[in-house]
Amino acid sequence: MRGLQQNRAQSRLLYLLISLVFVYSTDRWEKQNTSPVCFGAKDGQFGRFYVKSGYKKLAAVRLVHLYGYVSCDTRQFSYWSYWGCGLYREGLGKINVVITNSDNQVLLPPSELIVNDGVKLSRIPGYDSLSTELVLSFFSPSHVDYHQELRVWYGEDLMKAGEGDNGGTACVDVYAIFV
C-alpha cells in the first residue's frame, strides 16, 4: 500500500512539472473552438470540439472557463463550480471533468490522477473545481488526427453515476499544445 501511495505522489509531482512547462509556453497554445464549448452535468450533455492541427501528438489541453456552473447536488449552493463539486467534502480540491474521444474513452486526465474511477473524479495538481482554467496534460503525448472529435464531459454524467441531483452547464474555450 505504501508503494502505491509513493507512486501516486511521484506521478502527481511529475504531472505538476509537466503542466507548469505547458502553462508557461503561452505562445504554443492553439485555440480549438470557434464558439464556446458547453457541457452539462447530467443527461449526456458533453461538449464537443474538433482538433484543428493534423497528424500530431496532443501534449496538453487547456480549458478556460467562460460562463456557467455545474453541480453534483443542485440543492446545495456551495456545491456549484466550474469543474466539479465545489465545496462538497468528498469533492473538495478535486476535478470532475474529463476529455474523451468520440467513443467516450477517457484521454485526459491520465488514469494515474483519477482517484474515483466510478465517477472520474481526479486530483489535478495546482487546480481545483473553482480554478478559472484547467490544464490537463499527458505523461506521454497522444496521437490525434486533424478534425478528430474530442469531448468535454462532467465525469458523473459520462459514467451515468450519481447524476440524478446534478445540474447546470458550463462553457469554455479549448486550447491545445501539439508536439
Foldseek 3Di string as FASTA:
>chain_A
DVVLVVVLVVVQVLLVVLQVVVVVVVVQWDWFDPDWFKAKLADPGKGKTFDADFFFFWFKKKWAWDDKWKALAVVDPQLTFQFGGHVDPVQWQKGQKFKAFPVLDTDPDPPSQQPDQLQRIGHHPPDGRHDRMDMHGDPDTHTDGGGGMMIMYRRCRSNVHSRPRMTMMTITTMITGTD
